């Protein structure tokens, strides 16, 4: 019988260990080979979440920059790196594409500004260029994914299914238009940053109102029509009216309800590279318009310039015509030329001509250098008042009435000396805001008893209104007028808001605000032949109300928001 040697036994044990180790390695290799796609997909999911966070930060920075004058830089890690694994080869690192893409036009139609900026924002179509910021990852295992920041919306899209991060185009009555311009080099690497800077941004919103026509906004988008319809379904005043293909993207049109005031925020942002600002496009008067200047006196006139995005235009040159039509002179407040500051403002000094004895009208014309079209010039109307003239409208005027129609006016209250019948006739009403004519109601008070005729619930309707009531001798008779949302004025209390004209009083030389009729036009049938004084019967008085402002220095303080003629007749039956 033979026996194995000690050497053969050692070789067998070593071979066993080798085979066992090989089996372990094979199992590990099989496990890694099977698990690598899962692990790779997990790595890619982690990277996607990281980039999603980075782009959300970028979107937030864009959103902040659209409302304030500040820029910034945001780091975005678009590179995909995979860890080293034993026995199997990991996918190679990849670089996602990060670019500014999809250049197209944004159009805004029907946006009419509330206030003087309506000279430019007049409802006509405005067109602006914009682009989208697009990131597309190059993953080995996960489905195709991209993240998009457009004008008005940002979202993550995976395999064609978008998840919206922010919809900022229309939120209630706030409309935010952010335009992107610039260029990126195609990708960023870990630690690189995306620079952004506001180019045209205004800190205050632009109030817009169109009473009859809807406002329409068309923006380029990669989102589907159904996605936009879902987004606008949450908005009470907005709806999608069209979604038209335009190359590799589309243009969606959003319609906003007419008769609603919207606050527009418009911003132009540079991405990745410097973008030149636009020149000034229009200018408006912000101080001195309709000012009353004494003969030989001075008045500061301030003009503000804006670019076509509605942002203040710094460094714009303004030139005023001097001398003026009446012979006044205009000069810049500082330096040889008037150049706008960071807020877009520049000021001039107007000097009225000497020797004016009555009320004369003058106009200062300011031109915005290099601009053409609506708002390129500003006309600032002025009154020049002769020295020594009195233009104050008195609340109380002594008179010598006929005995049968004896009455007095005591601090805005009419006090008849006999039983009377009072007739009230509306001579006119004119007060407007951005939404249109402001409703004005009138109440008549006799002996502390209020009378509120239904026909006088709103007299600012360009119709005739009249009312009659009777009272006893000594009964106080007064008028209360209220402009909805503005001022309530009682003729017996609010003496600054109410003036009373009697026969022989000077004709008020008060200009109507913002193109409205002057007081003199309302009382024209009761002006004497000389054109200087009122011609009223002894039993008549005219009440003038200011309901738009309580500041007598304001240009809006025009005393013709309600104008009422009062006529009193002796009531013989009531005199028993």
Protein backbone atom coordinates (compact mmCIF):
# COMPACT_ATOMS: atom_id res chain seq x y z
CA UNK A 1 0.00 0.00 0.00
CA UNK A 2 1.26 3.42 -0.88
CA UNK A 3 0.86 6.63 1.20
CA UNK A 4 0.68 10.33 0.01
CA UNK A 5 3.69 12.35 0.83
CA UNK A 6 3.67 15.48 2.92
CA UNK A 7 4.45 17.65 -0.17
CA UNK A 8 1.40 16.46 -2.12
CA UNK A 9 -0.87 17.23 0.82
CA UNK A 10 0.39 20.90 0.93
CA UNK A 11 -0.23 21.43 -2.78
CA UNK A 12 -3.82 20.22 -2.46
CA UNK A 13 -4.53 22.64 0.39
CA UNK A 14 -3.07 25.58 -1.55
CA UNK A 15 -5.15 24.70 -4.58
CA UNK A 16 -8.22 24.55 -2.41
CA UNK A 17 -7.55 28.01 -1.08
CA UNK A 18 -6.99 29.34 -4.61
CA UNK A 19 -10.25 27.82 -5.80
CA UNK A 20 -12.10 29.23 -2.78
CA UNK A 21 -10.64 32.72 -3.33
CA UNK A 22 -11.55 32.52 -7.01
CA UNK A 23 -15.09 31.58 -6.06
CA UNK A 24 -15.33 34.58 -3.73
CA UNK A 25 -13.96 36.92 -6.40
CA UNK A 26 -16.38 35.48 -8.94
CA UNK A 27 -19.29 36.04 -6.59
CA UNK A 28 -18.17 39.64 -5.91
CA UNK A 29 -17.72 40.25 -9.62
CA UNK A 30 -21.15 38.86 -10.38
CA UNK A 31 -22.71 40.95 -7.62
CA UNK A 32 -20.91 44.13 -8.77
CA UNK A 33 -21.75 43.40 -12.39
CA UNK A 34 -25.39 43.02 -11.51
CA UNK A 35 -25.43 45.92 -9.06
CA UNK A 36 -23.40 48.45 -11.01
CA UNK A 37 -26.35 49.80 -13.08
CA UNK A 38 -28.33 50.24 -9.89
CA UNK A 39 -25.47 51.93 -8.09
CA UNK A 40 -24.72 54.07 -11.13
CA UNK A 41 -28.34 55.13 -11.34
CA UNK A 42 -28.17 56.01 -7.64
CA UNK A 43 -25.07 58.13 -8.22
CA UNK A 44 -26.88 59.85 -11.06
CA UNK A 45 -29.96 60.42 -8.90
CA UNK A 46 -27.77 62.05 -6.25
CA UNK A 47 -26.17 64.25 -8.92
CA UNK A 48 -29.57 65.16 -10.35
CA UNK A 49 -30.77 66.21 -6.92
CA UNK A 50 -27.61 68.28 -6.42
CA UNK A 51 -27.98 70.04 -9.77
CA UNK A 52 -31.69 70.56 -9.13
CA UNK A 53 -30.80 72.35 -5.89
CA UNK A 54 -28.15 74.43 -7.70
CA UNK A 55 -30.55 75.46 -10.44
CA UNK A 56 -33.27 76.26 -7.90
CA UNK A 57 -30.74 78.62 -6.30
CA UNK A 58 -30.00 80.08 -9.72
CA UNK A 59 -33.72 80.56 -10.37
CA UNK A 60 -34.17 82.26 -7.00
CA UNK A 61 -31.23 84.54 -7.74
CA UNK A 62 -32.79 85.46 -11.08
CA UNK A 63 -36.08 86.15 -9.37
CA UNK A 64 -34.44 88.40 -6.77
CA UNK A 65 -32.39 90.21 -9.40
CA UNK A 66 -35.56 91.01 -11.34
CA UNK A 67 -36.79 93.18 -8.49
CA UNK A 68 -33.69 94.88 -7.15
CA UNK A 69 -30.50 96.34 -8.50
CA UNK A 70 -28.16 93.50 -7.59
CA UNK A 71 -26.32 90.76 -9.41
CA UNK A 72 -24.66 87.56 -8.28
CA UNK A 73 -22.89 84.33 -9.11
CA UNK A 74 -24.30 80.84 -8.54
CA UNK A 75 -22.22 77.64 -8.56
CA UNK A 76 -23.65 74.81 -10.66
CA UNK A 77 -21.96 71.38 -10.75
CA UNK A 78 -22.89 69.90 -14.13
CA UNK A 79 -20.16 67.22 -14.22
CA UNK A 80 -21.19 63.62 -13.50
CA UNK A 81 -18.43 61.62 -11.72
CA UNK A 82 -18.65 57.93 -10.82
CA UNK A 83 -16.67 56.25 -7.98
CA UNK A 84 -14.03 53.59 -8.72
CA UNK A 85 -15.24 50.02 -8.17
CA UNK A 86 -13.29 46.77 -7.86
CA UNK A 87 -13.26 44.19 -10.65
CA UNK A 88 -15.70 46.10 -12.93
CA UNK A 89 -15.21 49.30 -14.83
CA UNK A 90 -17.36 52.31 -13.81
CA UNK A 91 -18.93 54.49 -16.55
CA UNK A 92 -16.65 57.32 -17.66
CA UNK A 93 -17.24 60.76 -16.16
CA UNK A 94 -19.50 62.95 -18.28
CA UNK A 95 -20.18 66.66 -18.64
CA UNK A 96 -23.74 67.97 -18.85
CA UNK A 97 -24.65 70.69 -21.34
CA UNK A 98 -25.45 74.02 -19.75
CA UNK A 99 -26.39 76.73 -22.24
CA UNK A 100 -28.47 79.78 -23.10
CA UNK A 101 -30.85 78.61 -25.81
CA UNK A 102 -34.15 79.14 -27.62
CA UNK A 103 -33.86 82.81 -28.57
CA UNK A 104 -37.27 84.22 -29.49
CA UNK A 105 -39.51 87.25 -29.00
CA UNK A 106 -41.80 88.18 -26.11
CA UNK A 107 -44.72 90.41 -27.09
CA UNK A 108 -46.96 92.44 -24.80
CA UNK A 109 -50.19 93.92 -26.21
CA UNK A 110 -52.86 96.04 -24.56
CA UNK A 111 -50.78 97.16 -21.56
CA UNK A 112 -51.81 100.77 -20.84
CA UNK A 113 -49.99 102.37 -17.93
CA UNK A 114 -51.88 104.19 -15.21
CA UNK A 115 -50.49 107.72 -15.03
CA UNK A 116 -48.03 109.68 -17.16
CA UNK A 117 -46.12 106.62 -18.40
CA UNK A 118 -49.14 105.92 -20.60
CA UNK A 119 -47.35 108.15 -23.15
CA UNK A 120 -45.19 105.07 -23.91
CA UNK A 121 -47.18 102.17 -22.45
CA UNK A 122 -50.23 103.06 -24.51
CA UNK A 123 -51.62 99.60 -25.25
CA UNK A 124 -49.66 99.11 -28.45
CA UNK A 125 -47.58 95.96 -28.99
CA UNK A 126 -44.16 95.91 -27.34
CA UNK A 127 -41.60 93.30 -28.46
CA UNK A 128 -38.57 92.04 -26.52
CA UNK A 129 -35.96 89.34 -27.10
CA UNK A 130 -35.31 86.60 -24.55
CA UNK A 131 -33.68 83.20 -24.22
CA UNK A 132 -33.98 80.16 -21.97
CA UNK A 133 -31.33 78.67 -19.70
CA UNK A 134 -31.20 74.91 -20.32
CA UNK A 135 -29.22 72.17 -18.53
CA UNK A 136 -29.17 68.66 -19.99
CA UNK A 137 -27.42 65.82 -18.14
CA UNK A 138 -25.51 63.00 -19.91
CA UNK A 139 -26.35 60.00 -17.74
CA UNK A 140 -25.39 56.36 -18.35
CA UNK A 141 -28.41 54.73 -16.72
CA UNK A 142 -31.13 57.30 -15.96
CA UNK A 143 -33.64 58.57 -18.47
CA UNK A 144 -32.94 61.83 -20.31
CA UNK A 145 -33.35 64.83 -18.01
CA UNK A 146 -33.14 68.57 -18.44
CA UNK A 147 -33.75 71.61 -16.32
CA UNK A 148 -35.13 74.79 -17.88
CA UNK A 149 -35.35 78.40 -16.69
CA UNK A 150 -37.63 80.35 -19.02
CA UNK A 151 -39.22 83.78 -18.91
CA UNK A 152 -41.94 83.12 -16.37
CA UNK A 153 -41.37 79.49 -15.37
CA UNK A 154 -38.66 77.04 -14.23
CA UNK A 155 -39.00 73.26 -14.20
CA UNK A 156 -37.27 69.84 -14.23
CA UNK A 157 -38.22 67.51 -17.08
CA UNK A 158 -37.49 63.77 -16.89
CA UNK A 159 -38.40 61.58 -19.85
CA UNK A 160 -40.81 64.26 -21.08
CA UNK A 161 -42.59 64.77 -17.76
CA UNK A 162 -42.07 68.29 -16.32
CA UNK A 163 -42.19 69.16 -12.64
CA UNK A 164 -42.58 72.93 -12.24
CA UNK A 165 -40.39 74.62 -9.65
CA UNK A 166 -41.82 78.15 -10.03
CA UNK A 167 -44.43 79.86 -12.21
CA UNK A 168 -43.86 83.60 -11.89
CA UNK A 169 -45.35 85.00 -15.10
CA UNK A 170 -48.81 85.68 -13.65
CA UNK A 171 -49.57 85.52 -9.96
CA UNK A 172 -52.96 87.08 -9.22
CA UNK A 173 -52.66 90.66 -10.51
CA UNK A 174 -48.84 90.67 -10.54
CA UNK A 175 -47.15 90.06 -13.89
CA UNK A 176 -43.39 89.40 -13.90
CA UNK A 177 -41.54 89.52 -17.21
CA UNK A 178 -37.88 88.51 -16.92
CA UNK A 179 -35.82 88.51 -20.12
CA UNK A 180 -32.55 86.54 -20.31
CA UNK A 181 -29.74 87.56 -22.63
CA UNK A 182 -26.12 86.40 -22.85
CA UNK A 183 -24.05 83.28 -23.48
CA UNK A 184 -22.43 80.35 -21.67
CA UNK A 185 -19.55 78.23 -22.92
CA UNK A 186 -21.67 75.06 -23.17
CA UNK A 187 -20.95 73.59 -19.75
CA UNK A 188 -19.59 74.32 -16.33
CA UNK A 189 -17.37 72.18 -14.17
CA UNK A 190 -17.36 71.63 -10.45
CA UNK A 191 -16.72 74.89 -8.68
CA UNK A 192 -17.46 77.07 -11.74
CA UNK A 193 -20.14 79.72 -11.39
CA UNK A 194 -22.79 81.33 -13.57
CA UNK A 195 -22.68 85.13 -13.47
CA UNK A 196 -25.86 87.16 -13.78
CA UNK A 197 -26.45 90.88 -13.67
CA UNK A 198 -29.55 93.09 -13.89
CA UNK A 199 -29.34 95.27 -17.00
CA UNK A 200 -32.73 96.99 -16.95
CA UNK A 201 -34.63 96.76 -13.67
CA UNK A 202 -37.03 99.15 -11.92
CA UNK A 203 -37.62 98.88 -8.19
CA UNK A 204 -41.27 99.97 -8.36
CA UNK A 205 -43.98 98.13 -10.27
CA UNK A 206 -45.64 99.57 -13.38
CA UNK A 207 -49.43 99.84 -12.85
CA UNK A 208 -51.32 98.78 -15.98
CA UNK A 209 -55.03 99.02 -16.72
CA UNK A 210 -57.12 98.43 -19.83
CA UNK A 211 -60.84 99.04 -19.34
CA UNK A 212 -62.08 97.42 -22.56
CA UNK A 213 -59.47 95.11 -24.10
CA UNK A 214 -57.60 92.14 -22.58
CA UNK A 215 -53.84 92.31 -22.10
CA UNK A 216 -51.98 89.61 -24.05
CA UNK A 217 -48.50 88.28 -23.30
CA UNK A 218 -46.69 85.83 -25.62
CA UNK A 219 -43.53 84.08 -24.35
CA UNK A 220 -41.32 81.32 -25.84
CA UNK A 221 -41.46 78.02 -23.96
CA UNK A 222 -40.44 74.36 -23.97
CA UNK A 223 -43.47 73.44 -21.86
CA UNK A 224 -46.48 71.79 -23.46
CA UNK A 225 -49.81 73.52 -23.90
CA UNK A 226 -51.41 71.20 -21.35
CA UNK A 227 -48.79 72.15 -18.77
CA UNK A 228 -49.47 75.87 -19.31
CA UNK A 229 -53.23 75.33 -19.15
CA UNK A 230 -52.77 73.59 -15.80
CA UNK A 231 -50.62 76.45 -14.51
CA UNK A 232 -53.09 79.16 -15.58
CA UNK A 233 -56.04 77.20 -14.18
CA UNK A 234 -54.98 78.46 -10.75
CA UNK A 235 -55.09 82.12 -11.85
CA UNK A 236 -58.41 84.03 -11.61
CA UNK A 237 -57.65 86.54 -14.40
CA UNK A 238 -55.47 84.58 -16.87
CA UNK A 239 -55.96 81.90 -19.51
CA UNK A 240 -54.04 80.25 -22.37
CA UNK A 241 -55.38 81.33 -25.77
CA UNK A 242 -52.74 79.82 -28.08
CA UNK A 243 -49.67 77.56 -28.14
CA UNK A 244 -47.84 77.63 -31.48
CA UNK A 245 -44.72 75.66 -32.46
CA UNK A 246 -41.63 77.75 -33.21
CA UNK A 247 -38.60 75.64 -34.11
CA UNK A 248 -37.60 73.34 -31.27
CA UNK A 249 -39.87 75.18 -28.82
CA UNK A 250 -43.24 76.95 -28.87
CA UNK A 251 -44.77 80.35 -28.16
CA UNK A 252 -47.60 80.43 -25.62
CA UNK A 253 -50.01 83.38 -25.40
CA UNK A 254 -51.61 84.27 -22.08
CA UNK A 255 -54.65 86.56 -22.02
CA UNK A 256 -55.43 88.72 -18.98
CA UNK A 257 -58.94 90.00 -18.20
CA UNK A 258 -59.86 93.57 -19.15
CA UNK A 259 -61.01 95.93 -16.43
CA UNK A 260 -58.43 94.71 -13.89
CA UNK A 261 -55.43 96.69 -12.68
CA UNK A 262 -52.18 94.72 -12.94
CA UNK A 263 -48.76 95.46 -11.48
CA UNK A 264 -46.09 94.77 -14.09
CA UNK A 265 -42.51 93.95 -13.11
CA UNK A 266 -40.21 94.01 -16.11
CA UNK A 267 -36.52 93.07 -15.95
CA UNK A 268 -33.72 92.37 -18.42
CA UNK A 269 -30.92 90.21 -17.03
CA UNK A 270 -27.50 89.41 -18.48
CA UNK A 271 -26.33 85.79 -18.15
CA UNK A 272 -22.70 84.71 -18.30
CA UNK A 273 -21.45 87.74 -20.20
CA UNK A 274 -21.81 91.51 -20.13
CA UNK A 275 -24.92 92.88 -21.84
CA UNK A 276 -25.15 96.52 -22.88
CA UNK A 277 -28.08 98.53 -21.46
CA UNK A 278 -30.66 100.06 -23.77
CA UNK A 279 -30.76 103.84 -24.27
CA UNK A 280 -33.53 105.97 -22.80
CA UNK A 281 -36.78 105.63 -24.76
CA UNK A 282 -39.25 108.01 -23.10
CA UNK A 283 -39.53 110.68 -20.45
CA UNK A 284 -42.26 112.05 -18.20
CA UNK A 285 -42.68 115.12 -15.98
CA UNK A 286 -42.62 114.29 -12.27
CA UNK A 287 -42.44 117.76 -10.70
CA UNK A 288 -43.63 121.23 -11.67
CA UNK A 289 -46.41 120.32 -14.09
CA UNK A 290 -49.33 122.82 -13.93
CA UNK A 291 -47.47 124.85 -11.29
CA UNK A 292 -48.58 128.44 -10.66
CA UNK A 293 -45.53 130.70 -10.88
CA UNK A 294 -45.63 134.41 -9.96
CA UNK A 295 -44.41 136.88 -12.58
CA UNK A 296 -40.60 136.90 -12.39
CA UNK A 297 -40.61 133.90 -10.04
CA UNK A 298 -38.96 130.50 -10.37
CA UNK A 299 -40.10 126.90 -10.36
CA UNK A 300 -38.14 123.63 -10.35
CA UNK A 301 -39.17 121.21 -13.09
CA UNK A 302 -38.11 117.56 -12.83
CA UNK A 303 -38.22 115.06 -15.66
CA UNK A 304 -37.61 111.31 -15.42
CA UNK A 305 -36.31 109.14 -18.27
CA UNK A 306 -36.91 105.39 -18.78
CA UNK A 307 -35.70 102.75 -21.22
CA UNK A 308 -38.13 100.62 -23.21
CA UNK A 309 -38.31 98.07 -20.39
CA UNK A 310 -39.64 100.79 -18.07
CA UNK A 311 -36.40 100.93 -16.06
CA UNK A 312 -34.91 104.30 -15.03
CA UNK A 313 -32.32 105.43 -17.57
CA UNK A 314 -29.20 106.89 -15.96
CA UNK A 315 -26.89 109.13 -17.96
CA UNK A 316 -29.54 110.25 -20.47
CA UNK A 317 -29.26 113.82 -21.77
CA UNK A 318 -32.29 116.12 -21.68
CA UNK A 319 -32.54 119.47 -23.46
CA UNK A 320 -35.14 122.14 -22.71
CA UNK A 321 -36.23 124.81 -25.18
CA UNK A 322 -35.35 128.29 -23.91
CA UNK A 323 -36.85 130.85 -24.15
CA UNK A 324 -40.39 129.54 -23.81
CA UNK A 325 -43.42 130.74 -25.84
CA UNK A 326 -44.30 133.31 -23.17
CA UNK A 327 -40.71 134.48 -22.82
CA UNK A 328 -39.69 132.55 -19.73
CA UNK A 329 -36.24 130.99 -19.53
CA UNK A 330 -35.11 127.47 -18.63
CA UNK A 331 -31.72 126.29 -17.41
CA UNK A 332 -30.48 123.02 -15.90
CA UNK A 333 -30.13 123.02 -12.14
CA UNK A 334 -26.62 121.52 -12.25
CA UNK A 335 -23.98 121.80 -14.99
CA UNK A 336 -24.22 122.88 -18.59
CA UNK A 337 -26.51 120.03 -19.61
CA UNK A 338 -29.22 118.12 -17.76
CA UNK A 339 -28.10 114.50 -17.37
CA UNK A 340 -30.26 111.98 -15.52
CA UNK A 341 -29.07 110.45 -12.26
CA UNK A 342 -29.33 106.78 -11.20
CA UNK A 343 -33.08 107.17 -10.69
CA UNK A 344 -33.47 108.61 -14.20
CA UNK A 345 -34.22 112.13 -12.94
CA UNK A 346 -32.94 115.49 -14.14
CA UNK A 347 -34.12 118.95 -13.03
CA UNK A 348 -34.45 122.36 -14.66
CA UNK A 349 -35.14 125.83 -13.29
CA UNK A 350 -37.94 127.78 -14.98
CA UNK A 351 -37.93 131.57 -14.56
CA UNK A 352 -41.23 133.27 -15.42
CA UNK A 353 -41.15 136.48 -17.46
CA UNK A 354 -41.52 139.74 -15.55
CA UNK A 355 -44.30 142.23 -16.22
CA UNK A 356 -47.20 139.76 -16.36
CA UNK A 357 -50.31 141.39 -14.85
CA UNK A 358 -52.98 138.70 -15.35
CA UNK A 359 -52.97 134.93 -15.65
CA UNK A 360 -50.92 133.75 -18.60
CA UNK A 361 -50.06 130.23 -19.72
CA UNK A 362 -46.60 128.99 -20.64
CA UNK A 363 -45.11 125.67 -21.72
CA UNK A 364 -41.67 124.17 -21.25
CA UNK A 365 -40.69 121.50 -23.80
CA UNK A 366 -37.98 119.01 -22.86
CA UNK A 367 -36.48 116.66 -25.46
CA UNK A 368 -34.81 113.33 -24.70
CA UNK A 369 -31.65 113.23 -26.80
CA UNK A 370 -31.44 110.25 -29.15
CA UNK A 371 -35.05 109.15 -28.62
CA UNK A 372 -37.90 109.17 -31.10
CA UNK A 373 -41.53 108.19 -30.94
CA UNK A 374 -44.01 108.52 -28.05
CA UNK A 375 -42.49 110.13 -24.99
CA UNK A 376 -39.39 111.49 -26.76
CA UNK A 377 -40.48 115.00 -25.75
CA UNK A 378 -42.23 116.24 -22.63
CA UNK A 379 -44.48 119.32 -22.53
CA UNK A 380 -44.84 120.88 -19.08
CA UNK A 381 -47.71 123.40 -18.81
CA UNK A 382 -47.40 126.28 -16.35
CA UNK A 383 -49.43 129.25 -15.15
CA UNK A 384 -47.77 132.64 -14.76
CA UNK A 385 -49.75 134.87 -12.42
CA UNK A 386 -49.48 138.64 -12.32
CA UNK A 387 -48.43 140.27 -9.09
CA UNK A 388 -51.19 141.77 -6.96
CA UNK A 389 -53.98 139.63 -8.41
CA UNK A 390 -56.19 137.72 -5.95
CA UNK A 391 -57.25 134.23 -6.93
CA UNK A 392 -58.52 132.89 -3.63
CA UNK A 393 -62.06 131.54 -3.72
CA UNK A 394 -63.83 132.65 -0.55
CA UNK A 395 -66.01 130.44 1.61
CA UNK A 396 -67.99 133.34 2.97
CA UNK A 397 -68.98 136.46 1.05
CA UNK A 398 -71.06 139.29 2.53
CA UNK A 399 -73.89 140.41 0.33
CA UNK A 400 -77.03 142.56 0.34
CA UNK A 401 -79.75 140.25 -0.96
CA UNK A 402 -83.27 141.23 -1.85
CA UNK A 403 -85.54 141.19 1.19
CA UNK A 404 -87.77 138.44 -0.17
CA UNK A 405 -84.79 136.16 -0.79
CA UNK A 406 -82.70 137.07 2.25
CA UNK A 407 -80.11 134.45 3.19
CA UNK A 408 -76.50 134.35 4.36
CA UNK A 409 -73.61 131.91 4.07
CA UNK A 410 -71.92 131.07 7.34
CA UNK A 411 -68.82 128.84 6.95
CA UNK A 412 -70.29 126.83 4.09
CA UNK A 413 -73.82 126.65 5.54
CA UNK A 414 -76.68 128.57 3.90
CA UNK A 415 -79.04 130.13 6.45
CA UNK A 416 -82.30 131.48 4.94
CA UNK A 417 -84.13 134.27 6.78
CA UNK A 418 -87.54 133.05 5.61
CA UNK A 419 -89.26 129.76 4.94
CA UNK A 420 -87.80 128.60 1.67
CA UNK A 421 -87.74 126.15 -1.18
CA UNK A 422 -84.22 125.23 -2.27
CA UNK A 423 -83.35 124.09 -5.76
CA UNK A 424 -80.05 122.25 -6.35
CA UNK A 425 -78.63 121.80 -9.84
CA UNK A 426 -75.48 119.87 -10.71
CA UNK A 427 -73.24 121.99 -12.94
CA UNK A 428 -70.70 119.20 -13.32
CA UNK A 429 -68.45 116.59 -11.74
CA UNK A 430 -64.95 115.48 -12.81
CA UNK A 431 -62.71 113.12 -10.87
CA UNK A 432 -60.84 110.15 -12.32
CA UNK A 433 -58.31 107.54 -11.29
CA UNK A 434 -56.57 104.71 -13.14
CA UNK A 435 -59.77 102.71 -13.33
CA UNK A 436 -61.88 105.52 -14.83
CA UNK A 437 -64.45 107.94 -13.39
CA UNK A 438 -64.70 107.86 -9.60
CA UNK A 439 -68.31 107.55 -8.31
CA UNK A 440 -69.40 110.64 -6.36
CA UNK A 441 -72.47 110.78 -4.09
CA UNK A 442 -74.15 113.90 -2.70
CA UNK A 443 -76.29 114.37 0.43
CA UNK A 444 -78.27 117.53 1.29
CA UNK A 445 -78.72 118.50 4.93
CA UNK A 446 -81.52 120.83 6.11
CA UNK A 447 -81.93 121.58 9.82
CA UNK A 448 -79.62 118.59 10.57
CA UNK A 449 -81.86 116.21 8.60
CA UNK A 450 -80.11 114.41 5.75
CA UNK A 451 -81.68 113.95 2.33
CA UNK A 452 -79.99 111.51 -0.03
CA UNK A 453 -81.85 111.39 -3.36
CA UNK A 454 -81.35 108.18 -5.32
CA UNK A 455 -80.57 110.23 -8.43
CA UNK A 456 -77.54 111.67 -6.59
CA UNK A 457 -75.93 108.31 -5.66
CA UNK A 458 -73.40 108.94 -8.43
CA UNK A 459 -73.33 112.31 -10.13
CA UNK A 460 -70.01 111.73 -11.94
CA UNK A 461 -71.84 110.20 -14.89
CA UNK A 462 -72.03 113.13 -17.34
CA UNK A 463 -75.80 113.47 -16.81
CA UNK A 464 -77.99 116.24 -15.40
CA UNK A 465 -79.11 116.03 -11.76
CA UNK A 466 -81.46 118.25 -9.77
CA UNK A 467 -83.20 118.18 -6.37
CA UNK A 468 -85.67 120.35 -4.47
CA UNK A 469 -86.43 120.57 -0.74
CA UNK A 470 -88.23 123.00 1.58
CA UNK A 471 -87.44 124.36 5.02
CA UNK A 472 -88.23 126.99 7.63
CA UNK A 473 -86.48 130.26 8.31
CA UNK A 474 -83.25 129.76 10.20
CA UNK A 475 -82.84 126.15 9.05
CA UNK A 476 -79.21 125.54 8.18
CA UNK A 477 -78.70 124.17 4.68
CA UNK A 478 -75.47 122.38 3.75
CA UNK A 479 -74.06 119.81 1.29
CA UNK A 480 -71.97 116.68 1.86
CA UNK A 481 -70.14 115.13 -1.11
CA UNK A 482 -68.13 111.89 -1.13
CA UNK A 483 -65.79 110.43 -3.77
CA UNK A 484 -65.63 106.66 -3.34
CA UNK A 485 -62.23 105.70 -1.97
CA UNK A 486 -61.09 109.31 -1.68
CA UNK A 487 -62.37 112.34 0.29
CA UNK A 488 -65.66 113.05 2.08
CA UNK A 489 -66.30 116.79 2.39
CA UNK A 490 -68.97 118.51 4.49
CA UNK A 491 -69.49 122.15 3.49
CA UNK A 492 -70.02 123.20 7.13
CA UNK A 493 -66.82 121.56 8.44
CA UNK A 494 -64.27 120.95 5.69
CA UNK A 495 -63.72 124.56 4.70
CA UNK A 496 -60.51 123.84 2.79
CA UNK A 497 -62.29 121.25 0.63
CA UNK A 498 -65.35 123.41 -0.15
CA UNK A 499 -65.57 126.91 -1.62
CA UNK A 500 -68.69 129.01 -2.20
CA UNK A 501 -69.12 131.56 -4.98
CA UNK A 502 -71.54 134.52 -4.76
CA UNK A 503 -72.34 137.36 -7.12
CA UNK A 504 -69.33 139.61 -7.75
CA UNK A 505 -66.70 137.08 -6.65
CA UNK A 506 -63.68 136.75 -8.95
CA UNK A 507 -63.86 133.88 -11.41
CA UNK A 508 -61.69 131.05 -10.03
CA UNK A 509 -58.48 130.67 -12.02
CA UNK A 510 -57.92 127.02 -11.11
CA UNK A 511 -56.82 124.60 -13.78
CA UNK A 512 -58.39 121.18 -14.12
CA UNK A 513 -56.07 118.33 -13.25
CA UNK A 514 -54.62 116.08 -15.96
CA UNK A 515 -56.54 117.63 -18.86
CA UNK A 516 -59.91 117.97 -17.09
CA UNK A 517 -62.03 121.11 -17.52
CA UNK A 518 -61.09 124.15 -15.43
CA UNK A 519 -63.48 125.47 -12.77
CA UNK A 520 -64.26 128.42 -15.05
CA UNK A 521 -65.64 126.05 -17.67
CA UNK A 522 -68.10 124.56 -15.17
CA UNK A 523 -69.41 127.96 -14.07
CA UNK A 524 -69.21 129.60 -17.51
CA UNK A 525 -72.98 130.41 -17.74
CA UNK A 526 -72.63 132.50 -14.58
CA UNK A 527 -69.59 134.60 -15.53
CA UNK A 528 -70.18 138.31 -16.19
CA UNK A 529 -69.50 139.94 -19.54
CA UNK A 530 -66.09 141.21 -18.39
CA UNK A 531 -64.97 137.59 -17.85
CA UNK A 532 -63.51 138.43 -14.45
CA UNK A 533 -66.35 138.17 -11.94
CA UNK A 534 -69.30 135.93 -11.20
CA UNK A 535 -72.78 137.03 -12.20
CA UNK A 536 -75.31 135.37 -9.91
CA UNK A 537 -78.71 136.39 -8.56
CA UNK A 538 -78.82 137.40 -4.92
CA UNK A 539 -80.61 134.16 -4.06
CA UNK A 540 -77.96 131.97 -5.71
CA UNK A 541 -74.63 130.46 -4.71
CA UNK A 542 -72.31 127.89 -6.32
CA UNK A 543 -70.56 125.24 -4.19
CA UNK A 544 -67.18 123.91 -5.37
CA UNK A 545 -65.85 120.62 -3.91
CA UNK A 546 -62.36 119.10 -3.96
CA UNK A 547 -62.62 115.35 -3.30
CA UNK A 548 -59.42 113.94 -4.80
CA UNK A 549 -56.82 115.28 -2.37
CA UNK A 550 -56.53 117.25 0.86
CA UNK A 551 -53.24 118.88 -0.16
CA UNK A 552 -53.95 122.36 -1.59
CA UNK A 553 -50.42 122.41 -3.08
CA UNK A 554 -51.16 119.37 -5.22
CA UNK A 555 -51.88 119.83 -8.93
CA UNK A 556 -54.90 117.59 -8.39
CA UNK A 557 -56.48 120.18 -6.04
CA UNK A 558 -58.71 121.60 -8.80
CA UNK A 559 -62.01 122.29 -6.93
CA UNK A 560 -64.30 120.91 -9.63
CA UNK A 561 -64.90 117.34 -8.46
CA UNK A 562 -68.49 118.44 -7.77
CA UNK A 563 -69.98 121.84 -8.73
CA UNK A 564 -73.53 122.59 -7.52
CA UNK A 565 -75.75 125.65 -8.05
CA UNK A 566 -78.08 126.49 -5.14
CA UNK A 567 -81.14 128.72 -5.72
CA UNK A 568 -83.44 129.70 -2.82
CA UNK A 569 -87.02 130.95 -3.16
CA UNK A 570 -89.20 132.40 -0.45
CA UNK A 571 -91.97 129.97 0.50
CA UNK A 572 -95.03 132.14 1.17
CA UNK A 573 -97.16 129.24 2.41
CA UNK A 574 -94.57 128.34 4.99
CA UNK A 575 -94.44 131.96 6.27
CA UNK A 576 -97.79 131.85 8.03
